[in-house]
């Protein structure tokens, strides 16, 4: 199993955003592309992957979790994925609830999400160990930040998690996700 934890620093937590302006809604366009890159393949869904989106643009962090082996009807376009996020946020409570098939929502931050994953945690960042020299576990939990850096609190919660760089060129979060999935598919079996 692979987990991806996406940290969206400015994304709204209440679902009160317009599907017509996802970039203006805390970069939800990028969040949706990350979900797409983590879960979707040609004509299907990666059943071996879970995507956790930690939204931080509200009073409390909210996490929407997509289980690849359970999710149904997830389309690849940003607007459709944003619609799923908005519907999930309408169901949010402190305790986790299933908003729709394979999509769960709860008031939960990065530390709580990491505590609930089973894999070894790897932070994808520019100044990490080079991927070409890395050995990665069979069940990694990748942490990917949006266009902003992880907070000091996040880094403290991640403790001694490995830092991994996917190359000498800085990548967008969704591209880093696609590259990490590809490397896992081809080399880390």
N, C-alpha and C. Protein backbone atom coordinates (compact mmCIF):
# COMPACT_ATOMS: atom_id res chain seq x y z
N UNK A 1 0.85 -1.19 0.00
CA UNK A 1 0.00 0.00 0.00
C UNK A 1 0.88 1.24 0.00
N UNK A 2 0.47 2.25 -0.72
CA UNK A 2 1.14 3.54 -0.74
C UNK A 2 0.18 4.60 -0.23
N UNK A 3 0.73 5.53 0.53
CA UNK A 3 -0.05 6.67 1.00
C UNK A 3 0.61 7.94 0.52
N UNK A 4 -0.21 8.90 0.14
CA UNK A 4 0.26 10.25 -0.17
C UNK A 4 -0.50 11.20 0.73
N UNK A 5 0.24 12.05 1.44
CA UNK A 5 -0.35 13.07 2.30
C UNK A 5 -0.03 14.42 1.68
N UNK A 6 -1.07 15.09 1.20
CA UNK A 6 -0.91 16.40 0.56
C UNK A 6 -1.31 17.48 1.55
N UNK A 7 -0.43 18.46 1.74
CA UNK A 7 -0.71 19.55 2.66
C UNK A 7 -1.06 20.79 1.84
N UNK A 8 -2.30 21.26 1.99
CA UNK A 8 -2.82 22.41 1.25
C UNK A 8 -3.03 23.55 2.24
N UNK A 9 -2.04 24.43 2.33
CA UNK A 9 -1.99 25.45 3.37
C UNK A 9 -3.13 26.46 3.35
N UNK A 10 -3.62 26.81 2.18
CA UNK A 10 -4.62 27.87 2.08
C UNK A 10 -5.97 27.37 1.58
N UNK A 11 -6.11 26.08 1.38
CA UNK A 11 -7.35 25.53 0.83
C UNK A 11 -8.47 25.60 1.86
N UNK A 12 -9.66 26.02 1.45
CA UNK A 12 -10.78 26.16 2.38
C UNK A 12 -11.22 24.83 2.97
N UNK A 13 -11.70 24.89 4.18
CA UNK A 13 -12.13 23.68 4.89
C UNK A 13 -13.64 23.58 5.02
N UNK A 14 -14.37 24.52 4.42
CA UNK A 14 -15.82 24.54 4.61
C UNK A 14 -16.62 24.18 3.36
N UNK A 15 -15.98 23.99 2.24
CA UNK A 15 -16.71 23.65 1.03
C UNK A 15 -17.40 24.83 0.38
N UNK A 16 -17.20 26.02 0.89
CA UNK A 16 -17.86 27.19 0.34
C UNK A 16 -17.07 27.86 -0.77
N UNK A 17 -16.48 27.09 -1.63
CA UNK A 17 -15.67 27.65 -2.72
C UNK A 17 -16.37 27.43 -4.06
N UNK A 18 -15.99 28.24 -5.03
CA UNK A 18 -16.57 28.15 -6.36
C UNK A 18 -15.78 27.15 -7.20
N UNK A 19 -16.49 26.30 -7.90
CA UNK A 19 -15.84 25.36 -8.82
C UNK A 19 -15.30 26.08 -10.04
N UNK A 20 -15.66 27.34 -10.21
CA UNK A 20 -15.20 28.13 -11.36
C UNK A 20 -13.89 28.87 -11.09
N UNK A 21 -13.40 28.85 -9.85
CA UNK A 21 -12.14 29.53 -9.52
C UNK A 21 -11.34 28.70 -8.52
N UNK A 22 -10.90 27.54 -8.94
CA UNK A 22 -10.14 26.66 -8.05
C UNK A 22 -8.77 27.24 -7.69
N UNK A 23 -8.06 27.92 -8.62
CA UNK A 23 -6.79 28.53 -8.21
C UNK A 23 -6.99 29.59 -7.13
N UNK A 24 -8.09 30.32 -7.19
CA UNK A 24 -8.39 31.36 -6.21
C UNK A 24 -8.92 30.82 -4.90
N UNK A 25 -9.18 29.53 -4.85
CA UNK A 25 -9.68 28.89 -3.63
C UNK A 25 -8.55 28.13 -2.96
N UNK A 26 -7.48 28.86 -2.63
CA UNK A 26 -6.38 28.24 -1.91
C UNK A 26 -5.61 27.21 -2.72
N UNK A 27 -5.58 27.39 -4.04
CA UNK A 27 -4.89 26.49 -4.96
C UNK A 27 -5.49 25.09 -4.97
N UNK A 28 -6.81 25.03 -4.90
CA UNK A 28 -7.49 23.74 -5.01
C UNK A 28 -7.27 23.08 -6.37
N UNK A 29 -6.92 23.86 -7.38
CA UNK A 29 -6.58 23.26 -8.67
C UNK A 29 -5.40 22.32 -8.52
N UNK A 30 -4.38 22.75 -7.79
CA UNK A 30 -3.20 21.93 -7.54
C UNK A 30 -3.56 20.71 -6.70
N UNK A 31 -4.38 20.91 -5.69
CA UNK A 31 -4.82 19.80 -4.85
C UNK A 31 -5.51 18.73 -5.69
N UNK A 32 -6.40 19.15 -6.57
CA UNK A 32 -7.12 18.21 -7.43
C UNK A 32 -6.18 17.46 -8.36
N UNK A 33 -5.18 18.16 -8.89
CA UNK A 33 -4.21 17.49 -9.75
C UNK A 33 -3.38 16.49 -8.95
N UNK A 34 -3.10 16.78 -7.69
CA UNK A 34 -2.37 15.83 -6.84
C UNK A 34 -3.19 14.57 -6.61
N UNK A 35 -4.47 14.73 -6.34
CA UNK A 35 -5.35 13.57 -6.15
C UNK A 35 -5.38 12.75 -7.43
N UNK A 36 -5.49 13.42 -8.57
CA UNK A 36 -5.48 12.75 -9.87
C UNK A 36 -4.19 11.96 -10.04
N UNK A 37 -3.05 12.59 -9.80
CA UNK A 37 -1.76 11.93 -10.00
C UNK A 37 -1.56 10.75 -9.05
N UNK A 38 -2.09 10.85 -7.85
CA UNK A 38 -1.92 9.77 -6.88
C UNK A 38 -2.80 8.57 -7.18
N UNK A 39 -4.02 8.82 -7.62
CA UNK A 39 -5.02 7.75 -7.69
C UNK A 39 -5.40 7.27 -9.07
N UNK A 40 -5.34 8.13 -10.05
CA UNK A 40 -5.93 7.76 -11.34
C UNK A 40 -4.89 7.30 -12.35
N UNK A 41 -5.24 6.25 -13.07
CA UNK A 41 -4.46 5.73 -14.18
C UNK A 41 -5.41 5.62 -15.37
N UNK A 42 -4.87 5.31 -16.52
CA UNK A 42 -5.72 5.18 -17.70
C UNK A 42 -6.80 4.14 -17.46
N UNK A 43 -8.04 4.57 -17.53
CA UNK A 43 -9.21 3.69 -17.38
C UNK A 43 -9.30 3.01 -16.01
N UNK A 44 -8.83 3.67 -14.97
CA UNK A 44 -8.96 3.03 -13.67
C UNK A 44 -8.42 3.85 -12.51
N UNK A 45 -8.44 3.20 -11.35
CA UNK A 45 -7.99 3.79 -10.10
C UNK A 45 -6.91 2.89 -9.51
N UNK A 46 -5.90 3.49 -8.93
CA UNK A 46 -4.86 2.71 -8.24
C UNK A 46 -5.45 2.19 -6.93
N UNK A 47 -5.68 0.90 -6.89
CA UNK A 47 -6.27 0.31 -5.69
C UNK A 47 -5.26 0.15 -4.57
N UNK A 48 -3.97 0.34 -4.87
CA UNK A 48 -2.93 0.20 -3.87
C UNK A 48 -2.52 1.52 -3.23
N UNK A 49 -3.32 2.57 -3.45
CA UNK A 49 -2.94 3.91 -3.00
C UNK A 49 -4.07 4.59 -2.24
N UNK A 50 -3.69 5.31 -1.19
CA UNK A 50 -4.60 6.17 -0.45
C UNK A 50 -4.06 7.59 -0.53
N UNK A 51 -4.93 8.54 -0.82
CA UNK A 51 -4.56 9.96 -0.85
C UNK A 51 -5.25 10.68 0.30
N UNK A 52 -4.47 11.37 1.10
CA UNK A 52 -4.97 12.17 2.22
C UNK A 52 -4.71 13.63 1.87
N UNK A 53 -5.72 14.47 1.92
CA UNK A 53 -5.55 15.90 1.66
C UNK A 53 -5.83 16.65 2.95
N UNK A 54 -4.79 17.29 3.49
CA UNK A 54 -4.93 18.08 4.71
C UNK A 54 -5.16 19.53 4.29
N UNK A 55 -6.38 20.00 4.51
CA UNK A 55 -6.78 21.37 4.14
C UNK A 55 -6.63 22.27 5.35
N UNK A 56 -5.98 23.43 5.15
CA UNK A 56 -5.64 24.28 6.28
C UNK A 56 -6.21 25.68 6.23
N UNK A 57 -7.08 25.97 5.31
CA UNK A 57 -7.54 27.34 5.14
C UNK A 57 -8.67 27.75 6.06
N UNK A 58 -8.93 27.01 7.09
CA UNK A 58 -10.00 27.33 8.03
C UNK A 58 -9.50 27.39 9.45
N UNK A 59 -10.45 27.38 10.37
CA UNK A 59 -10.11 27.45 11.79
C UNK A 59 -9.38 26.21 12.27
N UNK A 60 -9.79 25.04 11.77
CA UNK A 60 -9.15 23.76 12.13
C UNK A 60 -8.77 23.03 10.85
N UNK A 61 -7.69 22.26 10.92
CA UNK A 61 -7.32 21.43 9.78
C UNK A 61 -8.39 20.37 9.54
N UNK A 62 -8.65 20.10 8.28
CA UNK A 62 -9.61 19.07 7.88
C UNK A 62 -8.91 18.17 6.87
N UNK A 63 -9.07 16.87 7.03
CA UNK A 63 -8.48 15.92 6.09
C UNK A 63 -9.57 15.17 5.35
N UNK A 64 -9.42 15.12 4.03
CA UNK A 64 -10.27 14.31 3.18
C UNK A 64 -9.40 13.17 2.68
N UNK A 65 -9.85 11.95 2.91
CA UNK A 65 -9.09 10.74 2.56
C UNK A 65 -9.80 9.99 1.44
N UNK A 66 -9.04 9.66 0.41
CA UNK A 66 -9.54 8.90 -0.73
C UNK A 66 -8.89 7.52 -0.71
N UNK A 67 -9.69 6.48 -0.54
CA UNK A 67 -9.18 5.10 -0.54
C UNK A 67 -9.29 4.54 -1.95
N UNK A 68 -8.15 4.28 -2.58
CA UNK A 68 -8.14 3.82 -3.95
C UNK A 68 -8.92 2.55 -4.20
N UNK A 69 -8.93 1.65 -3.23
CA UNK A 69 -9.64 0.38 -3.42
C UNK A 69 -11.14 0.48 -3.14
N UNK A 70 -11.61 1.65 -2.71
CA UNK A 70 -13.02 1.82 -2.39
C UNK A 70 -13.71 2.90 -3.21
N UNK A 71 -12.95 3.90 -3.64
CA UNK A 71 -13.55 5.07 -4.29
C UNK A 71 -14.22 4.69 -5.60
N UNK A 72 -15.35 5.32 -5.86
CA UNK A 72 -16.12 5.07 -7.09
C UNK A 72 -16.46 6.41 -7.74
N UNK A 73 -16.49 6.41 -9.07
CA UNK A 73 -16.93 7.60 -9.79
C UNK A 73 -16.01 8.80 -9.70
N UNK A 74 -14.71 8.57 -9.52
CA UNK A 74 -13.76 9.67 -9.45
C UNK A 74 -13.26 9.96 -10.86
N UNK A 75 -13.64 11.10 -11.39
CA UNK A 75 -13.25 11.49 -12.74
C UNK A 75 -11.94 12.28 -12.71
N UNK A 76 -11.20 12.30 -13.83
CA UNK A 76 -9.87 12.91 -13.82
C UNK A 76 -9.81 14.43 -13.90
N UNK A 77 -10.91 15.10 -14.17
CA UNK A 77 -10.84 16.55 -14.32
C UNK A 77 -10.89 17.25 -12.96
N UNK A 78 -10.22 18.40 -12.89
CA UNK A 78 -10.13 19.15 -11.64
C UNK A 78 -11.49 19.51 -11.08
N UNK A 79 -12.39 19.93 -11.92
CA UNK A 79 -13.71 20.38 -11.46
C UNK A 79 -14.48 19.24 -10.79
N UNK A 80 -14.43 18.05 -11.36
CA UNK A 80 -15.13 16.90 -10.76
C UNK A 80 -14.52 16.52 -9.42
N UNK A 81 -13.19 16.50 -9.37
CA UNK A 81 -12.51 16.16 -8.11
C UNK A 81 -12.83 17.22 -7.06
N UNK A 82 -12.84 18.50 -7.46
CA UNK A 82 -13.19 19.57 -6.53
C UNK A 82 -14.62 19.42 -6.03
N UNK A 83 -15.51 18.95 -6.89
CA UNK A 83 -16.89 18.70 -6.47
C UNK A 83 -16.97 17.61 -5.41
N UNK A 84 -16.14 16.58 -5.55
CA UNK A 84 -16.08 15.52 -4.54
C UNK A 84 -15.56 16.10 -3.22
N UNK A 85 -14.51 16.92 -3.30
CA UNK A 85 -13.98 17.57 -2.09
C UNK A 85 -15.05 18.43 -1.42
N UNK A 86 -15.75 19.23 -2.21
CA UNK A 86 -16.78 20.13 -1.65
C UNK A 86 -17.88 19.33 -0.97
N UNK A 87 -18.33 18.25 -1.60
CA UNK A 87 -19.37 17.41 -1.00
C UNK A 87 -18.87 16.77 0.29
N UNK A 88 -17.62 16.33 0.30
CA UNK A 88 -17.05 15.73 1.51
C UNK A 88 -16.98 16.75 2.64
N UNK A 89 -16.55 17.96 2.31
CA UNK A 89 -16.44 19.00 3.34
C UNK A 89 -17.79 19.37 3.94
N UNK A 90 -18.85 19.21 3.18
CA UNK A 90 -20.20 19.47 3.71
C UNK A 90 -20.58 18.46 4.78
N UNK A 91 -19.92 17.31 4.78
CA UNK A 91 -20.21 16.24 5.75
C UNK A 91 -19.26 16.25 6.95
N UNK A 92 -18.33 17.16 6.99
CA UNK A 92 -17.25 17.11 7.97
C UNK A 92 -17.75 17.19 9.40
N UNK A 93 -17.09 16.43 10.25
CA UNK A 93 -17.31 16.45 11.69
C UNK A 93 -15.95 16.23 12.34
N UNK A 94 -15.93 16.27 13.65
CA UNK A 94 -14.67 16.00 14.35
C UNK A 94 -14.25 14.55 14.10
N UNK A 95 -15.21 13.64 14.20
CA UNK A 95 -14.92 12.22 13.98
C UNK A 95 -15.05 11.91 12.50
N UNK A 96 -14.25 10.98 12.03
CA UNK A 96 -14.26 10.65 10.61
C UNK A 96 -15.58 10.03 10.18
N UNK A 97 -16.08 10.50 9.03
CA UNK A 97 -17.29 9.95 8.43
C UNK A 97 -17.02 9.67 6.95
N UNK A 98 -17.75 8.71 6.41
CA UNK A 98 -17.64 8.41 4.99
C UNK A 98 -18.62 9.31 4.25
N UNK A 99 -18.09 10.24 3.47
CA UNK A 99 -18.92 11.20 2.75
C UNK A 99 -19.54 10.59 1.51
N UNK A 100 -18.85 9.67 0.88
CA UNK A 100 -19.33 8.90 -0.25
C UNK A 100 -18.40 7.71 -0.40
N UNK A 101 -18.68 6.82 -1.30
CA UNK A 101 -17.91 5.58 -1.41
C UNK A 101 -16.41 5.86 -1.51
N UNK A 102 -15.67 5.45 -0.50
CA UNK A 102 -14.22 5.57 -0.51
C UNK A 102 -13.66 6.93 -0.20
N UNK A 103 -14.52 7.89 0.20
CA UNK A 103 -14.08 9.24 0.52
C UNK A 103 -14.50 9.55 1.95
N UNK A 104 -13.53 9.85 2.80
CA UNK A 104 -13.76 10.07 4.22
C UNK A 104 -13.30 11.47 4.61
N UNK A 105 -13.93 12.05 5.62
CA UNK A 105 -13.57 13.40 6.05
C UNK A 105 -13.59 13.46 7.57
N UNK A 106 -12.63 14.22 8.13
CA UNK A 106 -12.55 14.42 9.57
C UNK A 106 -11.72 15.66 9.86
N UNK A 107 -11.93 16.25 11.02
CA UNK A 107 -11.07 17.34 11.47
C UNK A 107 -9.80 16.70 12.01
N UNK A 108 -8.74 16.79 11.21
CA UNK A 108 -7.50 16.09 11.53
C UNK A 108 -6.36 16.80 10.81
N UNK A 109 -5.20 16.92 11.48
CA UNK A 109 -4.03 17.57 10.90
C UNK A 109 -2.98 16.57 10.46
N UNK A 110 -1.84 17.10 10.04
CA UNK A 110 -0.76 16.26 9.50
C UNK A 110 -0.30 15.21 10.50
N UNK A 111 -0.05 15.61 11.74
CA UNK A 111 0.45 14.65 12.74
C UNK A 111 -0.52 13.49 12.93
N UNK A 112 -1.80 13.80 13.00
CA UNK A 112 -2.80 12.74 13.19
C UNK A 112 -2.89 11.83 11.97
N UNK A 113 -2.75 12.39 10.79
CA UNK A 113 -2.79 11.57 9.57
C UNK A 113 -1.59 10.64 9.54
N UNK A 114 -0.41 11.18 9.80
CA UNK A 114 0.81 10.35 9.79
C UNK A 114 0.70 9.24 10.82
N UNK A 115 0.15 9.53 11.99
CA UNK A 115 -0.02 8.51 13.03
C UNK A 115 -0.90 7.36 12.57
N UNK A 116 -1.81 7.61 11.65
CA UNK A 116 -2.74 6.57 11.20
C UNK A 116 -2.26 5.80 9.97
N UNK A 117 -1.11 6.19 9.40
CA UNK A 117 -0.59 5.46 8.25
C UNK A 117 0.38 4.39 8.73
N UNK A 118 0.52 3.35 7.92
CA UNK A 118 1.37 2.22 8.30
C UNK A 118 2.77 2.30 7.70
N UNK A 119 2.93 2.99 6.60
CA UNK A 119 4.20 2.98 5.88
C UNK A 119 5.26 3.86 6.52
N UNK A 120 6.49 3.69 6.04
CA UNK A 120 7.58 4.56 6.44
C UNK A 120 7.40 5.91 5.75
N UNK A 121 7.55 6.99 6.52
CA UNK A 121 7.27 8.32 6.01
C UNK A 121 8.46 8.89 5.25
N UNK A 122 8.16 9.43 4.07
CA UNK A 122 9.17 10.06 3.21
C UNK A 122 8.62 11.43 2.79
N UNK A 123 9.35 12.49 3.10
CA UNK A 123 8.97 13.83 2.71
C UNK A 123 9.62 14.13 1.36
N UNK A 124 8.81 14.46 0.37
CA UNK A 124 9.35 14.84 -0.93
C UNK A 124 9.69 16.32 -0.89
N UNK A 125 10.98 16.63 -1.02
CA UNK A 125 11.41 18.02 -1.01
C UNK A 125 12.72 18.17 -1.78
N UNK A 126 12.94 19.39 -2.24
CA UNK A 126 14.07 19.67 -3.13
C UNK A 126 15.43 19.31 -2.55
N UNK A 127 15.64 19.55 -1.27
CA UNK A 127 16.97 19.36 -0.69
C UNK A 127 17.13 18.01 0.00
N UNK A 128 16.34 17.03 -0.38
CA UNK A 128 16.46 15.71 0.22
C UNK A 128 17.49 14.83 -0.48
N UNK A 129 17.60 13.62 0.00
CA UNK A 129 18.47 12.61 -0.60
C UNK A 129 18.01 12.35 -2.04
N UNK A 130 18.95 12.17 -2.94
CA UNK A 130 18.60 11.93 -4.34
C UNK A 130 17.91 10.60 -4.53
N UNK A 131 16.87 10.57 -5.32
CA UNK A 131 16.09 9.36 -5.56
C UNK A 131 16.95 8.25 -6.15
N UNK A 132 17.95 8.63 -6.95
CA UNK A 132 18.78 7.62 -7.58
C UNK A 132 19.63 6.84 -6.58
N UNK A 133 19.85 7.40 -5.39
CA UNK A 133 20.64 6.73 -4.36
C UNK A 133 19.76 6.11 -3.27
N UNK A 134 18.48 6.25 -3.39
CA UNK A 134 17.58 5.88 -2.30
C UNK A 134 17.10 4.44 -2.39
N UNK A 135 16.87 3.88 -1.24
CA UNK A 135 16.10 2.65 -1.14
C UNK A 135 14.81 3.03 -0.43
N UNK A 136 13.72 2.65 -1.01
CA UNK A 136 12.43 3.06 -0.48
C UNK A 136 11.65 1.82 -0.06
N UNK A 137 10.95 1.90 1.05
CA UNK A 137 10.20 0.74 1.54
C UNK A 137 9.07 0.33 0.59
N UNK A 138 8.61 -0.89 0.77
CA UNK A 138 7.51 -1.40 -0.05
C UNK A 138 6.22 -0.62 0.17
N UNK A 139 6.04 -0.08 1.36
CA UNK A 139 4.81 0.64 1.69
C UNK A 139 5.14 2.06 2.17
N UNK A 140 5.50 2.95 1.25
CA UNK A 140 5.86 4.30 1.66
C UNK A 140 4.65 5.19 1.93
N UNK A 141 4.85 6.16 2.80
CA UNK A 141 3.91 7.25 2.99
C UNK A 141 4.64 8.52 2.58
N UNK A 142 4.27 9.06 1.43
CA UNK A 142 4.90 10.27 0.91
C UNK A 142 4.15 11.50 1.42
N UNK A 143 4.89 12.50 1.87
CA UNK A 143 4.31 13.77 2.30
C UNK A 143 4.72 14.82 1.27
N UNK A 144 3.73 15.51 0.72
CA UNK A 144 3.95 16.49 -0.34
C UNK A 144 3.25 17.79 0.05
N UNK A 145 3.98 18.89 0.01
CA UNK A 145 3.38 20.19 0.31
C UNK A 145 2.97 20.88 -0.98
N UNK A 146 2.02 21.78 -0.87
CA UNK A 146 1.60 22.56 -2.04
C UNK A 146 2.69 23.57 -2.39
N UNK A 147 2.32 24.73 -2.87
CA UNK A 147 3.29 25.75 -3.27
C UNK A 147 3.99 26.43 -2.09
N UNK A 148 3.56 26.11 -0.87
CA UNK A 148 4.18 26.66 0.33
C UNK A 148 4.96 25.56 1.06
N UNK A 149 5.93 25.97 1.85
CA UNK A 149 6.75 25.02 2.61
C UNK A 149 5.95 24.44 3.78
N UNK A 150 6.34 23.26 4.21
CA UNK A 150 5.76 22.68 5.42
C UNK A 150 6.10 23.58 6.60
N UNK A 151 5.20 23.65 7.57
CA UNK A 151 5.43 24.49 8.74
C UNK A 151 6.42 23.83 9.68
N UNK A 152 6.94 24.61 10.62
CA UNK A 152 7.83 24.05 11.63
C UNK A 152 7.12 22.96 12.43
N UNK A 153 5.83 23.17 12.69
CA UNK A 153 5.05 22.15 13.41
C UNK A 153 4.95 20.86 12.63
N UNK A 154 4.78 20.98 11.31
CA UNK A 154 4.74 19.78 10.46
C UNK A 154 6.07 19.05 10.52
N UNK A 155 7.15 19.80 10.36
CA UNK A 155 8.47 19.18 10.35
C UNK A 155 8.76 18.51 11.68
N UNK A 156 8.30 19.13 12.77
CA UNK A 156 8.47 18.52 14.08
C UNK A 156 7.67 17.22 14.18
N UNK A 157 6.44 17.25 13.67
CA UNK A 157 5.59 16.05 13.70
C UNK A 157 6.17 14.94 12.83
N UNK A 158 6.84 15.31 11.76
CA UNK A 158 7.44 14.32 10.86
C UNK A 158 8.74 13.76 11.42
N UNK A 159 9.29 14.43 12.43
CA UNK A 159 10.46 13.92 13.13
C UNK A 159 11.61 13.57 12.19
N UNK A 160 12.07 12.34 12.30
CA UNK A 160 13.23 11.91 11.51
C UNK A 160 12.83 11.24 10.20
N UNK A 161 11.66 11.56 9.69
CA UNK A 161 11.25 11.01 8.39
C UNK A 161 12.29 11.37 7.34
N UNK A 162 12.51 10.45 6.43
CA UNK A 162 13.48 10.69 5.37
C UNK A 162 13.01 11.80 4.45
N UNK A 163 13.96 12.56 3.93
CA UNK A 163 13.69 13.60 2.95
C UNK A 163 14.23 13.09 1.62
N UNK A 164 13.41 13.11 0.59
CA UNK A 164 13.79 12.57 -0.71
C UNK A 164 13.56 13.60 -1.80
N UNK A 165 14.57 13.80 -2.64
CA UNK A 165 14.46 14.68 -3.79
C UNK A 165 14.28 13.84 -5.04
N UNK A 166 13.39 14.25 -5.92
CA UNK A 166 13.13 13.49 -7.14
C UNK A 166 13.96 13.96 -8.32
N UNK A 167 14.90 14.85 -8.09
CA UNK A 167 15.77 15.31 -9.17
C UNK A 167 16.29 16.70 -8.92
N UNK A 168 17.09 17.19 -9.85
CA UNK A 168 17.73 18.49 -9.68
C UNK A 168 16.82 19.66 -10.06
N UNK A 169 15.68 19.37 -10.66
CA UNK A 169 14.74 20.41 -11.05
C UNK A 169 13.54 20.38 -10.10
N UNK A 170 13.16 21.54 -9.58
CA UNK A 170 12.00 21.62 -8.69
C UNK A 170 10.73 21.27 -9.47
N UNK A 171 9.90 20.42 -8.88
CA UNK A 171 8.66 19.97 -9.52
C UNK A 171 7.45 20.51 -8.78
N UNK A 172 6.35 20.69 -9.50
CA UNK A 172 5.08 20.98 -8.86
C UNK A 172 4.66 19.74 -8.07
N UNK A 173 3.83 19.92 -7.07
CA UNK A 173 3.42 18.82 -6.20
C UNK A 173 2.77 17.68 -6.98
N UNK A 174 1.93 18.01 -7.96
CA UNK A 174 1.28 16.96 -8.73
C UNK A 174 2.27 16.21 -9.60
N UNK A 175 3.25 16.90 -10.14
CA UNK A 175 4.27 16.24 -10.95
C UNK A 175 5.14 15.34 -10.07
N UNK A 176 5.50 15.83 -8.88
CA UNK A 176 6.29 15.02 -7.95
C UNK A 176 5.53 13.74 -7.58
N UNK A 177 4.24 13.86 -7.43
CA UNK A 177 3.41 12.69 -7.11
C UNK A 177 3.45 11.68 -8.25
N UNK A 178 3.29 12.15 -9.48
CA UNK A 178 3.33 11.25 -10.63
C UNK A 178 4.69 10.58 -10.76
N UNK A 179 5.76 11.33 -10.54
CA UNK A 179 7.10 10.74 -10.62
C UNK A 179 7.29 9.71 -9.51
N UNK A 180 6.86 10.02 -8.30
CA UNK A 180 7.00 9.06 -7.19
C UNK A 180 6.22 7.78 -7.49
N UNK A 181 5.02 7.91 -8.02
CA UNK A 181 4.24 6.72 -8.39
C UNK A 181 4.97 5.91 -9.46
N UNK A 182 5.52 6.59 -10.45
CA UNK A 182 6.23 5.89 -11.52
C UNK A 182 7.46 5.16 -11.00
N UNK A 183 8.22 5.82 -10.14
CA UNK A 183 9.40 5.17 -9.57
C UNK A 183 8.99 3.95 -8.75
N UNK A 184 7.93 4.09 -7.97
CA UNK A 184 7.43 2.94 -7.19
C UNK A 184 6.98 1.81 -8.12
N UNK A 185 6.31 2.16 -9.20
CA UNK A 185 5.83 1.15 -10.14
C UNK A 185 6.97 0.39 -10.80
N UNK A 186 8.07 1.07 -11.07
CA UNK A 186 9.12 0.47 -11.88
C UNK A 186 10.31 -0.05 -11.10
N UNK A 187 10.71 0.61 -10.02
CA UNK A 187 11.95 0.24 -9.36
C UNK A 187 11.81 -0.25 -7.92
N UNK A 188 10.79 0.13 -7.23
CA UNK A 188 10.72 -0.19 -5.80
C UNK A 188 9.76 -1.34 -5.53
N UNK A 189 9.85 -2.38 -6.31
CA UNK A 189 8.94 -3.51 -6.11
C UNK A 189 9.50 -4.47 -5.12
